């Protein structure tokens, strides 16, 4: 019996230093029926040249990069999705990489649990030579959002991707990235928010990452936190979901008012 077709959608921007490790982690999977599609978002380094050395990889090149990284990321995955054929979609940022058994393990999990349409695995944070295995966390704030693993831990069935994308793709709240948007959609709209208690994705942390721009309790950190709450309120209102503003929302808005 032939393996179910899966597509690995990779979003890249100026990550030539990590691309080989990323792509090789897919090429070395203990699973056969995989297509790789890479969207390059107008990289100015040698990313495209490095990708071109590989066989059987579809590459989509964006000639002009937009102002906001979060919108660029959503556009990258959507364009890669349109070129894909797999029944199951694995999202992967180009500075991250998979354990060699990830695709086989998760695909088998979908086969055994046919009602599930999406799944997160847990990350292994990689910083220089240090590794940190993340455990499944409880909700940060029970009234709002759960712990949402990063982008590269997201797997979703093809038929559900486009339905989800229509709900999360709007050009508001530029500090809110795709993983957060997907997590809320899956929990409150699809009601299919599933975390597999297994660490299968290496998630790289470095000085150049987006998160490094949001130092804990800095102005940027509070601004992003406020925008996350504003996004949640907008998301709930737009989808007619009953909600109540909790203490964290009120505290964040109070502090932001005085420091902005």
C-alpha atoms as a PDB file:
ATOM      1  CA  UNK A   1       0.000   0.000   0.000  1.00  0.00           C
ATOM      2  CA  UNK A   2       1.387   3.378  -1.046  1.00  0.00           C
ATOM      3  CA  UNK A   3       2.077   5.966   1.641  1.00  0.00           C
ATOM      4  CA  UNK A   4      -0.356   8.884   1.915  1.00  0.00           C
ATOM      5  CA  UNK A   5       0.983  11.880   0.003  1.00  0.00           C
ATOM      6  CA  UNK A   6       2.277  14.628   2.258  1.00  0.00           C
ATOM      7  CA  UNK A   7       3.585  18.093   1.442  1.00  0.00           C
ATOM      8  CA  UNK A   8       6.176  19.976   3.456  1.00  0.00           C
ATOM      9  CA  UNK A   9       5.677  23.705   2.955  1.00  0.00           C
ATOM     10  CA  UNK A  10       8.801  25.695   3.824  1.00  0.00           C
ATOM     11  CA  UNK A  11       8.865  29.471   4.233  1.00  0.00           C
ATOM     12  CA  UNK A  12      12.304  31.003   3.703  1.00  0.00           C
ATOM     13  CA  UNK A  13      13.793  34.452   3.985  1.00  0.00           C
ATOM     14  CA  UNK A  14      17.573  34.950   4.156  1.00  0.00           C
ATOM     15  CA  UNK A  15      18.216  31.667   5.966  1.00  0.00           C
ATOM     16  CA  UNK A  16      20.976  30.230   3.801  1.00  0.00           C
ATOM     17  CA  UNK A  17      22.934  29.289   6.950  1.00  0.00           C
ATOM     18  CA  UNK A  18      20.209  26.895   8.089  1.00  0.00           C
ATOM     19  CA  UNK A  19      18.631  25.727   4.830  1.00  0.00           C
ATOM     20  CA  UNK A  20      20.797  22.638   4.385  1.00  0.00           C
ATOM     21  CA  UNK A  21      19.917  21.304   7.839  1.00  0.00           C
ATOM     22  CA  UNK A  22      16.243  22.100   7.226  1.00  0.00           C
ATOM     23  CA  UNK A  23      15.991  20.441   3.798  1.00  0.00           C
ATOM     24  CA  UNK A  24      18.153  17.449   4.731  1.00  0.00           C
ATOM     25  CA  UNK A  25      15.877  16.739   7.697  1.00  0.00           C
ATOM     26  CA  UNK A  26      13.046  16.200   5.177  1.00  0.00           C
ATOM     27  CA  UNK A  27      15.126  14.289   2.666  1.00  0.00           C
ATOM     28  CA  UNK A  28      16.212  11.859   5.409  1.00  0.00           C
ATOM     29  CA  UNK A  29      12.716  11.115   6.727  1.00  0.00           C
ATOM     30  CA  UNK A  30      11.791   7.448   7.177  1.00  0.00           C
ATOM     31  CA  UNK A  31       8.757   8.072   4.964  1.00  0.00           C
ATOM     32  CA  UNK A  32       8.627   7.970   1.178  1.00  0.00           C
ATOM     33  CA  UNK A  33       5.750   9.912  -0.357  1.00  0.00           C
ATOM     34  CA  UNK A  34       6.865  13.491   0.392  1.00  0.00           C
ATOM     35  CA  UNK A  35       6.929  16.584  -1.773  1.00  0.00           C
ATOM     36  CA  UNK A  36       8.894  19.662  -0.694  1.00  0.00           C
ATOM     37  CA  UNK A  37       7.778  23.151  -1.673  1.00  0.00           C
ATOM     38  CA  UNK A  38       9.867  26.159  -0.658  1.00  0.00           C
ATOM     39  CA  UNK A  39       8.636  29.734  -0.872  1.00  0.00           C
ATOM     40  CA  UNK A  40      11.512  32.204  -0.938  1.00  0.00           C
ATOM     41  CA  UNK A  41      10.470  35.693   0.097  1.00  0.00           C
ATOM     42  CA  UNK A  42      12.868  37.839  -1.958  1.00  0.00           C
ATOM     43  CA  UNK A  43      15.981  36.692  -0.090  1.00  0.00           C
ATOM     44  CA  UNK A  44      19.085  38.822  -0.613  1.00  0.00           C
ATOM     45  CA  UNK A  45      21.511  36.064   0.432  1.00  0.00           C
ATOM     46  CA  UNK A  46      22.381  32.833  -1.411  1.00  0.00           C
ATOM     47  CA  UNK A  47      19.254  30.955  -0.341  1.00  0.00           C
ATOM     48  CA  UNK A  48      17.924  30.326  -3.857  1.00  0.00           C
ATOM     49  CA  UNK A  49      21.304  29.114  -5.090  1.00  0.00           C
ATOM     50  CA  UNK A  50      21.499  26.677  -2.183  1.00  0.00           C
ATOM     51  CA  UNK A  51      17.949  25.379  -2.766  1.00  0.00           C
ATOM     52  CA  UNK A  52      18.646  24.924  -6.494  1.00  0.00           C
ATOM     53  CA  UNK A  53      21.324  22.320  -5.739  1.00  0.00           C
ATOM     54  CA  UNK A  54      18.617  19.906  -4.574  1.00  0.00           C
ATOM     55  CA  UNK A  55      16.574  17.718  -6.898  1.00  0.00           C
ATOM     56  CA  UNK A  56      12.792  17.326  -6.748  1.00  0.00           C
ATOM     57  CA  UNK A  57      12.060  20.506  -4.814  1.00  0.00           C
ATOM     58  CA  UNK A  58       9.511  23.022  -6.030  1.00  0.00           C
ATOM     59  CA  UNK A  59      10.608  26.590  -5.415  1.00  0.00           C
ATOM     60  CA  UNK A  60       8.399  29.657  -5.527  1.00  0.00           C
ATOM     61  CA  UNK A  61      10.195  33.007  -5.690  1.00  0.00           C
ATOM     62  CA  UNK A  62       8.666  36.219  -4.462  1.00  0.00           C
ATOM     63  CA  UNK A  63      10.402  39.192  -6.081  1.00  0.00           C
ATOM     64  CA  UNK A  64       9.289  41.857  -3.593  1.00  0.00           C
ATOM     65  CA  UNK A  65       8.996  41.459   0.167  1.00  0.00           C
ATOM     66  CA  UNK A  66       6.206  43.226   2.050  1.00  0.00           C
ATOM     67  CA  UNK A  67       6.591  45.500   5.070  1.00  0.00           C
ATOM     68  CA  UNK A  68       5.297  43.115   7.774  1.00  0.00           C
ATOM     69  CA  UNK A  69       6.846  39.724   8.434  1.00  0.00           C
ATOM     70  CA  UNK A  70       3.610  38.205   9.732  1.00  0.00           C
ATOM     71  CA  UNK A  71       1.747  38.987   6.507  1.00  0.00           C
ATOM     72  CA  UNK A  72       4.693  37.797   4.410  1.00  0.00           C
ATOM     73  CA  UNK A  73       4.668  34.509   6.289  1.00  0.00           C
ATOM     74  CA  UNK A  74       0.962  33.899   5.655  1.00  0.00           C
ATOM     75  CA  UNK A  75       1.401  34.748   1.977  1.00  0.00           C
ATOM     76  CA  UNK A  76       4.363  32.359   1.721  1.00  0.00           C
ATOM     77  CA  UNK A  77       2.482  29.391   3.132  1.00  0.00           C
ATOM     78  CA  UNK A  78      -0.622  30.107   1.074  1.00  0.00           C
ATOM     79  CA  UNK A  79       1.327  30.326  -2.189  1.00  0.00           C
ATOM     80  CA  UNK A  80       3.169  27.101  -1.331  1.00  0.00           C
ATOM     81  CA  UNK A  81      -0.145  25.438  -0.494  1.00  0.00           C
ATOM     82  CA  UNK A  82      -1.566  26.308  -3.933  1.00  0.00           C
ATOM     83  CA  UNK A  83       1.317  24.450  -5.583  1.00  0.00           C
ATOM     84  CA  UNK A  84       1.044  21.417  -3.292  1.00  0.00           C
ATOM     85  CA  UNK A  85      -0.745  18.102  -3.806  1.00  0.00           C
ATOM     86  CA  UNK A  86      -0.351  16.331  -0.455  1.00  0.00           C
ATOM     87  CA  UNK A  87      -3.286  15.208   1.671  1.00  0.00           C
ATOM     88  CA  UNK A  88      -1.438  16.235   4.839  1.00  0.00           C
ATOM     89  CA  UNK A  89       0.493  19.498   5.095  1.00  0.00           C
ATOM     90  CA  UNK A  90       3.517  20.042   7.335  1.00  0.00           C
ATOM     91  CA  UNK A  91       4.509  23.677   7.895  1.00  0.00           C
ATOM     92  CA  UNK A  92       8.190  24.432   8.435  1.00  0.00           C
ATOM     93  CA  UNK A  93      10.166  27.647   8.831  1.00  0.00           C
ATOM     94  CA  UNK A  94      13.529  27.342   7.120  1.00  0.00           C
ATOM     95  CA  UNK A  95      15.635  27.826  10.265  1.00  0.00           C
ATOM     96  CA  UNK A  96      13.951  24.837  11.955  1.00  0.00           C
ATOM     97  CA  UNK A  97      14.127  21.118  11.179  1.00  0.00           C
ATOM     98  CA  UNK A  98      12.375  17.795  11.874  1.00  0.00           C
ATOM     99  CA  UNK A  99      13.376  14.607  13.629  1.00  0.00           C
ATOM    100  CA  UNK A 100      13.743  11.876  11.017  1.00  0.00           C
ATOM    101  CA  UNK A 101      10.657   9.980  12.219  1.00  0.00           C
ATOM    102  CA  UNK A 102       8.311  12.979  12.487  1.00  0.00           C
ATOM    103  CA  UNK A 103       6.416  12.622   9.215  1.00  0.00           C
ATOM    104  CA  UNK A 104       5.906   8.871   9.552  1.00  0.00           C
ATOM    105  CA  UNK A 105       4.845   9.141  13.195  1.00  0.00           C
ATOM    106  CA  UNK A 106       2.342  11.940  12.630  1.00  0.00           C
ATOM    107  CA  UNK A 107       0.941  10.516   9.396  1.00  0.00           C
ATOM    108  CA  UNK A 108       0.283   7.212  11.184  1.00  0.00           C
ATOM    109  CA  UNK A 109      -1.380   9.166  13.998  1.00  0.00           C
ATOM    110  CA  UNK A 110      -3.777  10.752  11.481  1.00  0.00           C
ATOM    111  CA  UNK A 111      -4.544   7.335   9.982  1.00  0.00           C
ATOM    112  CA  UNK A 112      -5.442   5.952  13.417  1.00  0.00           C
ATOM    113  CA  UNK A 113      -7.396   9.081  14.436  1.00  0.00           C
ATOM    114  CA  UNK A 114      -9.404   9.898  11.327  1.00  0.00           C
ATOM    115  CA  UNK A 115     -11.606  12.554  12.957  1.00  0.00           C
ATOM    116  CA  UNK A 116      -8.632  14.771  13.750  1.00  0.00           C
ATOM    117  CA  UNK A 117      -7.942  17.420  11.106  1.00  0.00           C
ATOM    118  CA  UNK A 118      -4.923  19.134  12.652  1.00  0.00           C
ATOM    119  CA  UNK A 119      -2.126  18.481  15.088  1.00  0.00           C
ATOM    120  CA  UNK A 120       0.734  20.218  16.884  1.00  0.00           C
ATOM    121  CA  UNK A 121       3.781  18.354  18.100  1.00  0.00           C
ATOM    122  CA  UNK A 122       6.059  19.879  20.744  1.00  0.00           C
ATOM    123  CA  UNK A 123       9.284  21.743  19.973  1.00  0.00           C
ATOM    124  CA  UNK A 124      12.833  21.155  21.064  1.00  0.00           C
ATOM    125  CA  UNK A 125      14.266  24.637  21.535  1.00  0.00           C
ATOM    126  CA  UNK A 126      17.722  24.838  20.004  1.00  0.00           C
ATOM    127  CA  UNK A 127      19.979  27.694  21.096  1.00  0.00           C
ATOM    128  CA  UNK A 128      23.593  27.361  19.973  1.00  0.00           C
ATOM    129  CA  UNK A 129      24.602  23.960  21.394  1.00  0.00           C
ATOM    130  CA  UNK A 130      21.853  23.771  24.006  1.00  0.00           C
ATOM    131  CA  UNK A 131      18.605  21.806  23.630  1.00  0.00           C
ATOM    132  CA  UNK A 132      15.460  22.276  25.711  1.00  0.00           C
ATOM    133  CA  UNK A 133      12.591  19.798  25.403  1.00  0.00           C
ATOM    134  CA  UNK A 134       9.282  21.629  25.872  1.00  0.00           C
ATOM    135  CA  UNK A 135       6.500  19.887  27.736  1.00  0.00           C
ATOM    136  CA  UNK A 136       2.808  20.397  27.045  1.00  0.00           C
ATOM    137  CA  UNK A 137       1.752  23.435  29.050  1.00  0.00           C
ATOM    138  CA  UNK A 138      -1.515  24.402  30.651  1.00  0.00           C
ATOM    139  CA  UNK A 139      -3.448  27.361  29.338  1.00  0.00           C
ATOM    140  CA  UNK A 140      -1.698  30.675  29.951  1.00  0.00           C
ATOM    141  CA  UNK A 141      -5.033  32.393  30.594  1.00  0.00           C
ATOM    142  CA  UNK A 142      -7.998  29.988  30.572  1.00  0.00           C
ATOM    143  CA  UNK A 143     -10.470  32.517  29.174  1.00  0.00           C
ATOM    144  CA  UNK A 144      -8.348  33.311  26.140  1.00  0.00           C
ATOM    145  CA  UNK A 145      -5.560  31.371  24.517  1.00  0.00           C
ATOM    146  CA  UNK A 146      -3.805  28.056  25.155  1.00  0.00           C
ATOM    147  CA  UNK A 147      -0.102  27.365  24.858  1.00  0.00           C
ATOM    148  CA  UNK A 148       0.441  27.320  21.110  1.00  0.00           C
ATOM    149  CA  UNK A 149       3.558  25.539  19.819  1.00  0.00           C
ATOM    150  CA  UNK A 150       5.505  27.411  17.120  1.00  0.00           C
ATOM    151  CA  UNK A 151       4.845  27.460  13.404  1.00  0.00           C
ATOM    152  CA  UNK A 152       7.013  24.488  12.485  1.00  0.00           C
ATOM    153  CA  UNK A 153       5.017  22.196  14.792  1.00  0.00           C
ATOM    154  CA  UNK A 154       1.773  22.620  12.822  1.00  0.00           C
ATOM    155  CA  UNK A 155       0.333  19.813  10.679  1.00  0.00           C
ATOM    156  CA  UNK A 156      -3.068  20.107   9.009  1.00  0.00           C
ATOM    157  CA  UNK A 157      -5.141  18.152   6.503  1.00  0.00           C
ATOM    158  CA  UNK A 158      -5.438  19.653   3.052  1.00  0.00           C
ATOM    159  CA  UNK A 159      -9.200  20.168   2.993  1.00  0.00           C
ATOM    160  CA  UNK A 160      -9.071  22.070   6.264  1.00  0.00           C
ATOM    161  CA  UNK A 161      -6.181  24.358   5.355  1.00  0.00           C
ATOM    162  CA  UNK A 162      -8.107  26.586   2.964  1.00  0.00           C
ATOM    163  CA  UNK A 163     -11.089  26.886   5.329  1.00  0.00           C
ATOM    164  CA  UNK A 164      -8.740  27.909   8.113  1.00  0.00           C
ATOM    165  CA  UNK A 165      -6.801  30.338   5.950  1.00  0.00           C
ATOM    166  CA  UNK A 166      -9.904  32.285   4.999  1.00  0.00           C
ATOM    167  CA  UNK A 167     -10.584  32.861   8.703  1.00  0.00           C
ATOM    168  CA  UNK A 168      -7.111  34.054   9.723  1.00  0.00           C
ATOM    169  CA  UNK A 169      -5.861  35.920   6.646  1.00  0.00           C
ATOM    170  CA  UNK A 170      -6.583  39.587   7.176  1.00  0.00           C
ATOM    171  CA  UNK A 171      -4.101  42.444   7.222  1.00  0.00           C
ATOM    172  CA  UNK A 172      -4.606  43.618  10.780  1.00  0.00           C
ATOM    173  CA  UNK A 173      -2.435  43.186  13.891  1.00  0.00           C
ATOM    174  CA  UNK A 174       1.017  42.933  12.251  1.00  0.00           C
ATOM    175  CA  UNK A 175       2.700  41.653  15.444  1.00  0.00           C
ATOM    176  CA  UNK A 176       0.440  38.572  15.472  1.00  0.00           C
ATOM    177  CA  UNK A 177       1.981  35.665  13.605  1.00  0.00           C
ATOM    178  CA  UNK A 178       0.370  32.717  11.878  1.00  0.00           C
ATOM    179  CA  UNK A 179       0.829  30.132  14.636  1.00  0.00           C
ATOM    180  CA  UNK A 180      -1.174  32.240  17.123  1.00  0.00           C
ATOM    181  CA  UNK A 181      -3.926  32.843  14.555  1.00  0.00           C
ATOM    182  CA  UNK A 182      -4.099  29.146  13.691  1.00  0.00           C
ATOM    183  CA  UNK A 183      -4.208  28.128  17.348  1.00  0.00           C
ATOM    184  CA  UNK A 184      -7.199  30.354  18.101  1.00  0.00           C
ATOM    185  CA  UNK A 185      -9.018  29.213  14.970  1.00  0.00           C
ATOM    186  CA  UNK A 186      -8.533  25.541  15.821  1.00  0.00           C
ATOM    187  CA  UNK A 187      -9.636  25.969  19.417  1.00  0.00           C
ATOM    188  CA  UNK A 188     -12.649  28.244  19.000  1.00  0.00           C
ATOM    189  CA  UNK A 189     -13.914  27.784  15.422  1.00  0.00           C
ATOM    190  CA  UNK A 190     -12.875  24.290  14.394  1.00  0.00           C
ATOM    191  CA  UNK A 191     -12.829  23.012  18.010  1.00  0.00           C
ATOM    192  CA  UNK A 192     -10.062  20.654  16.992  1.00  0.00           C
ATOM    193  CA  UNK A 193      -7.021  21.873  18.939  1.00  0.00           C
ATOM    194  CA  UNK A 194      -4.730  18.885  19.501  1.00  0.00           C
ATOM    195  CA  UNK A 195      -1.212  18.747  20.902  1.00  0.00           C
ATOM    196  CA  UNK A 196       0.734  15.529  20.539  1.00  0.00           C
ATOM    197  CA  UNK A 197       2.848  15.055  23.646  1.00  0.00           C
ATOM    198  CA  UNK A 198       5.964  14.258  21.664  1.00  0.00           C
ATOM    199  CA  UNK A 199       8.972  16.447  20.748  1.00  0.00           C
ATOM    200  CA  UNK A 200       9.531  16.023  17.006  1.00  0.00           C
ATOM    201  CA  UNK A 201      10.585  19.503  15.824  1.00  0.00           C
ATOM    202  CA  UNK A 202      13.808  21.410  16.437  1.00  0.00           C
ATOM    203  CA  UNK A 203      12.911  25.070  16.868  1.00  0.00           C
ATOM    204  CA  UNK A 204      15.875  27.387  16.556  1.00  0.00           C
ATOM    205  CA  UNK A 205      16.320  30.353  18.874  1.00  0.00           C
ATOM    206  CA  UNK A 206      18.910  32.954  17.975  1.00  0.00           C
ATOM    207  CA  UNK A 207      19.613  36.664  18.219  1.00  0.00           C
ATOM    208  CA  UNK A 208      18.050  37.306  14.829  1.00  0.00           C
ATOM    209  CA  UNK A 209      14.675  35.811  15.672  1.00  0.00           C
ATOM    210  CA  UNK A 210      11.508  37.880  15.875  1.00  0.00           C
ATOM    211  CA  UNK A 211      11.088  36.978  19.545  1.00  0.00           C
ATOM    212  CA  UNK A 212      14.415  38.620  20.363  1.00  0.00           C
ATOM    213  CA  UNK A 213      12.826  41.950  19.479  1.00  0.00           C
ATOM    214  CA  UNK A 214      10.328  41.515  22.306  1.00  0.00           C
ATOM    215  CA  UNK A 215      12.443  41.512  25.461  1.00  0.00           C
ATOM    216  CA  UNK A 216      10.393  40.527  28.500  1.00  0.00           C
ATOM    217  CA  UNK A 217       8.454  43.514  29.960  1.00  0.00           C
ATOM    218  CA  UNK A 218       9.924  45.962  27.420  1.00  0.00           C
ATOM    219  CA  UNK A 219       7.688  48.440  25.615  1.00  0.00           C
ATOM    220  CA  UNK A 220       7.707  46.215  22.516  1.00  0.00           C
ATOM    221  CA  UNK A 221       6.728  43.250  24.696  1.00  0.00           C
ATOM    222  CA  UNK A 222       3.728  45.122  26.164  1.00  0.00           C
ATOM    223  CA  UNK A 223       2.737  46.437  22.733  1.00  0.00           C
ATOM    224  CA  UNK A 224       2.740  42.929  21.301  1.00  0.00           C
ATOM    225  CA  UNK A 225       0.834  41.595  24.304  1.00  0.00           C
ATOM    226  CA  UNK A 226      -1.793  44.305  23.908  1.00  0.00           C
ATOM    227  CA  UNK A 227      -2.051  43.532  20.205  1.00  0.00           C
ATOM    228  CA  UNK A 228      -2.543  39.839  21.044  1.00  0.00           C
ATOM    229  CA  UNK A 229      -5.450  40.738  23.336  1.00  0.00           C
ATOM    230  CA  UNK A 230      -6.869  43.128  20.729  1.00  0.00           C
ATOM    231  CA  UNK A 231      -6.599  40.389  18.120  1.00  0.00           C
ATOM    232  CA  UNK A 232      -8.454  37.958  20.381  1.00  0.00           C
ATOM    233  CA  UNK A 233     -11.245  40.483  20.974  1.00  0.00           C
ATOM    234  CA  UNK A 234     -11.495  41.201  17.235  1.00  0.00           C
ATOM    235  CA  UNK A 235     -11.441  37.470  16.442  1.00  0.00           C
ATOM    236  CA  UNK A 236     -14.202  36.715  18.954  1.00  0.00           C
ATOM    237  CA  UNK A 237     -16.405  39.590  17.788  1.00  0.00           C
ATOM    238  CA  UNK A 238     -15.894  38.785  14.110  1.00  0.00           C
ATOM    239  CA  UNK A 239     -16.893  35.157  14.665  1.00  0.00           C
ATOM    240  CA  UNK A 240     -19.651  35.942  17.180  1.00  0.00           C
ATOM    241  CA  UNK A 241     -18.043  34.060  20.034  1.00  0.00           C
ATOM    242  CA  UNK A 242     -19.168  34.996  23.542  1.00  0.00           C
ATOM    243  CA  UNK A 243     -16.302  36.125  25.717  1.00  0.00           C
ATOM    244  CA  UNK A 244     -15.476  38.163  28.777  1.00  0.00           C
ATOM    245  CA  UNK A 245     -12.485  40.436  29.275  1.00  0.00           C
ATOM    246  CA  UNK A 246     -10.299  38.857  31.930  1.00  0.00           C
ATOM    247  CA  UNK A 247      -7.874  40.388  34.425  1.00  0.00           C
ATOM    248  CA  UNK A 248      -4.858  39.991  32.155  1.00  0.00           C
ATOM    249  CA  UNK A 249      -6.589  41.953  29.393  1.00  0.00           C
ATOM    250  CA  UNK A 250      -7.442  44.790  31.769  1.00  0.00           C
ATOM    251  CA  UNK A 251      -3.954  44.840  33.320  1.00  0.00           C
ATOM    252  CA  UNK A 252      -2.216  44.838  29.934  1.00  0.00           C
ATOM    253  CA  UNK A 253      -4.312  47.746  28.665  1.00  0.00           C
ATOM    254  CA  UNK A 254      -3.792  49.677  31.908  1.00  0.00           C
ATOM    255  CA  UNK A 255       0.013  49.343  31.791  1.00  0.00           C
ATOM    256  CA  UNK A 256       0.227  50.005  28.058  1.00  0.00           C
ATOM    257  CA  UNK A 257      -1.781  53.212  28.489  1.00  0.00           C
ATOM    258  CA  UNK A 258       0.875  54.618  30.837  1.00  0.00           C
ATOM    259  CA  UNK A 259       4.003  53.514  28.980  1.00  0.00           C
ATOM    260  CA  UNK A 260       3.102  54.245  25.372  1.00  0.00           C
END
